[in-house]
């Protein structure tokens, strides 16, 4: 079973914290966005532009299903992966950590000239909408919530290591 599944919006630090956490726990790290890119043979942004969001979401749901079945380390999900009802069901019974981030920090971390496909037009406004729409889902799915605003990744990992210790 996966040690921890990290969820949260763009800019929450899922990849950065996930890699550090996996290293500290002595387990492997896996990011479902990387899995999607490997299957599609192109970056997430290109999948959105060339194949559409629906195709991306289908690939993402498959990547999450496979990772939850196979991976026993730290798993990072793409920010919108939690929108799929199947993914929500599959997360039940897992240790799900919601990395919470405020709009100002998310904008700063993501950058407004981002290659993130859902943030292309008016990124600040789109990010605000994503945060507001997804927050209730993140909170419902999470077995724990860790605020990340104003904190270094190492500090967040320290907190998670204590929380995940057997």
Protein backbone atom coordinates (compact mmCIF):
# COMPACT_ATOMS: atom_id res chain seq x y z
CA UNK A 1 0.00 0.00 0.00
CA UNK A 2 1.15 3.52 -0.79
CA UNK A 3 2.79 5.21 2.24
CA UNK A 4 1.29 8.62 1.46
CA UNK A 5 -0.67 10.20 -1.37
CA UNK A 6 -0.12 13.93 -1.76
CA UNK A 7 -2.95 16.05 -3.12
CA UNK A 8 -3.38 19.79 -3.56
CA UNK A 9 -3.56 22.54 -6.14
CA UNK A 10 -0.78 23.72 -8.45
CA UNK A 11 1.94 25.36 -6.38
CA UNK A 12 1.21 23.40 -3.19
CA UNK A 13 4.59 21.64 -3.40
CA UNK A 14 3.43 18.08 -4.10
CA UNK A 15 6.41 17.16 -6.26
CA UNK A 16 9.04 18.94 -4.18
CA UNK A 17 7.71 17.74 -0.82
CA UNK A 18 6.96 14.29 -2.24
CA UNK A 19 10.52 13.70 -3.42
CA UNK A 20 12.00 14.86 -0.11
CA UNK A 21 9.49 12.84 1.91
CA UNK A 22 10.17 9.67 -0.06
CA UNK A 23 13.90 10.15 0.44
CA UNK A 24 13.46 10.63 4.20
CA UNK A 25 11.20 7.56 4.46
CA UNK A 26 13.54 5.47 2.31
CA UNK A 27 10.86 4.70 -0.28
CA UNK A 28 10.31 5.51 -3.95
CA UNK A 29 8.57 8.65 -5.21
CA UNK A 30 6.06 8.61 -8.07
CA UNK A 31 4.18 11.45 -9.74
CA UNK A 32 1.10 10.60 -11.81
CA UNK A 33 1.78 13.54 -14.15
CA UNK A 34 5.08 11.85 -15.06
CA UNK A 35 3.19 8.59 -15.67
CA UNK A 36 0.72 10.38 -17.98
CA UNK A 37 3.56 11.99 -19.92
CA UNK A 38 5.31 8.63 -20.31
CA UNK A 39 2.17 6.98 -21.71
CA UNK A 40 1.30 9.89 -24.01
CA UNK A 41 4.89 10.51 -25.09
CA UNK A 42 4.52 14.26 -24.58
CA UNK A 43 4.26 16.87 -21.83
CA UNK A 44 0.98 17.45 -19.98
CA UNK A 45 0.62 20.90 -21.59
CA UNK A 46 0.82 19.37 -25.07
CA UNK A 47 -1.76 16.72 -24.19
CA UNK A 48 -4.20 19.47 -23.18
CA UNK A 49 -3.58 21.50 -26.34
CA UNK A 50 -3.40 18.66 -28.85
CA UNK A 51 -5.76 16.06 -27.37
CA UNK A 52 -7.96 18.07 -25.00
CA UNK A 53 -8.62 18.04 -21.28
CA UNK A 54 -10.98 15.06 -21.53
CA UNK A 55 -8.22 12.86 -22.97
CA UNK A 56 -5.78 14.10 -20.33
CA UNK A 57 -8.24 13.32 -17.52
CA UNK A 58 -8.78 9.79 -18.89
CA UNK A 59 -5.01 9.17 -18.96
CA UNK A 60 -4.69 10.69 -15.51
CA UNK A 61 -7.42 8.47 -14.00
CA UNK A 62 -5.70 5.40 -15.44
CA UNK A 63 -2.33 6.57 -14.09
CA UNK A 64 -3.78 7.09 -10.60
CA UNK A 65 -5.46 3.67 -10.63
CA UNK A 66 -2.23 1.95 -11.65
CA UNK A 67 -0.09 3.87 -9.17
CA UNK A 68 -2.41 3.16 -6.24
CA UNK A 69 -2.34 -0.56 -7.11
CA UNK A 70 1.41 -0.88 -7.70
CA UNK A 71 3.30 1.83 -5.80
CA UNK A 72 4.25 1.45 -2.15
CA UNK A 73 6.10 4.72 -1.66
CA UNK A 74 5.06 8.37 -1.81
CA UNK A 75 2.66 9.29 -4.59
CA UNK A 76 1.91 12.77 -5.89
CA UNK A 77 -1.33 13.33 -7.82
CA UNK A 78 -1.89 16.08 -10.35
CA UNK A 79 -3.93 18.94 -8.92
CA UNK A 80 -7.11 17.98 -10.76
CA UNK A 81 -6.87 14.21 -10.37
CA UNK A 82 -9.25 14.37 -7.42
CA UNK A 83 -12.06 15.57 -9.71
CA UNK A 84 -12.62 12.02 -11.01
CA UNK A 85 -15.18 10.15 -8.91
CA UNK A 86 -13.30 6.89 -9.46
CA UNK A 87 -10.12 8.46 -8.06
CA UNK A 88 -12.07 9.73 -5.05
CA UNK A 89 -13.31 6.19 -4.38
CA UNK A 90 -9.86 4.66 -4.88
CA UNK A 91 -8.30 7.04 -2.33
CA UNK A 92 -10.51 5.70 0.46
CA UNK A 93 -8.38 3.76 2.91
CA UNK A 94 -5.13 5.48 1.86
CA UNK A 95 -3.14 8.03 3.82
CA UNK A 96 -4.02 11.17 1.85
CA UNK A 97 -2.18 14.38 2.69
CA UNK A 98 -3.66 17.65 1.48
CA UNK A 99 -0.90 20.20 0.99
CA UNK A 100 -2.81 23.42 1.47
CA UNK A 101 -1.62 26.63 -0.17
CA UNK A 102 -3.10 30.11 -0.35
CA UNK A 103 -3.58 32.04 -3.58
CA UNK A 104 -0.66 34.42 -3.07
CA UNK A 105 1.81 31.61 -2.39
CA UNK A 106 0.43 29.45 -5.22
CA UNK A 107 0.80 32.32 -7.70
CA UNK A 108 4.34 32.98 -6.48
CA UNK A 109 5.33 29.30 -6.74
CA UNK A 110 3.62 28.56 -10.06
CA UNK A 111 4.55 31.86 -11.68
CA UNK A 112 2.20 33.73 -13.95
CA UNK A 113 4.11 32.76 -17.09
CA UNK A 114 3.43 29.13 -16.32
CA UNK A 115 3.26 26.26 -18.77
CA UNK A 116 0.41 24.78 -16.72
CA UNK A 117 -2.43 24.22 -19.18
CA UNK A 118 -5.35 25.30 -17.03
CA UNK A 119 -3.64 28.54 -16.11
CA UNK A 120 -2.87 29.90 -19.57
CA UNK A 121 -5.49 32.67 -19.75
CA UNK A 122 -5.58 35.02 -16.76
CA UNK A 123 -3.58 32.66 -14.54
CA UNK A 124 -4.25 34.44 -11.23
CA UNK A 125 -8.01 34.40 -11.76
CA UNK A 126 -7.99 30.79 -12.99
CA UNK A 127 -5.86 29.66 -10.06
CA UNK A 128 -8.23 31.41 -7.62
CA UNK A 129 -11.19 29.60 -9.21
CA UNK A 130 -9.38 26.24 -9.09
CA UNK A 131 -8.48 26.72 -5.42
CA UNK A 132 -12.04 27.63 -4.47
CA UNK A 133 -13.67 24.85 -6.50
CA UNK A 134 -11.33 22.07 -5.43
CA UNK A 135 -10.70 22.95 -1.77
CA UNK A 136 -13.83 21.13 -0.48
CA UNK A 137 -12.83 17.97 -2.37
CA UNK A 138 -9.24 18.11 -1.11
CA UNK A 139 -10.48 18.58 2.45
CA UNK A 140 -13.00 15.74 2.22
CA UNK A 141 -10.47 13.25 0.82
CA UNK A 142 -7.59 14.16 3.13
CA UNK A 143 -6.69 12.13 6.18
CA UNK A 144 -4.47 15.07 7.14
CA UNK A 145 -4.02 18.67 6.03
CA UNK A 146 -0.67 20.45 6.09
CA UNK A 147 -0.47 24.22 5.48
CA UNK A 148 2.48 25.12 3.25
CA UNK A 149 2.32 28.93 3.10
CA UNK A 150 5.54 30.54 4.26
CA UNK A 151 7.16 27.19 5.02
CA UNK A 152 10.23 25.52 3.60
CA UNK A 153 9.78 22.04 2.06
CA UNK A 154 12.08 20.51 4.72
CA UNK A 155 9.86 21.87 7.51
CA UNK A 156 6.78 20.32 5.88
CA UNK A 157 8.61 17.01 5.46
CA UNK A 158 9.65 17.05 9.13
CA UNK A 159 5.97 17.37 10.10
CA UNK A 160 4.92 14.60 7.72
CA UNK A 161 7.64 12.19 8.86
CA UNK A 162 6.40 12.55 12.46
CA UNK A 163 2.82 12.05 11.34
CA UNK A 164 3.59 9.01 9.16
CA UNK A 165 5.89 7.29 11.64
CA UNK A 166 4.53 3.83 12.52
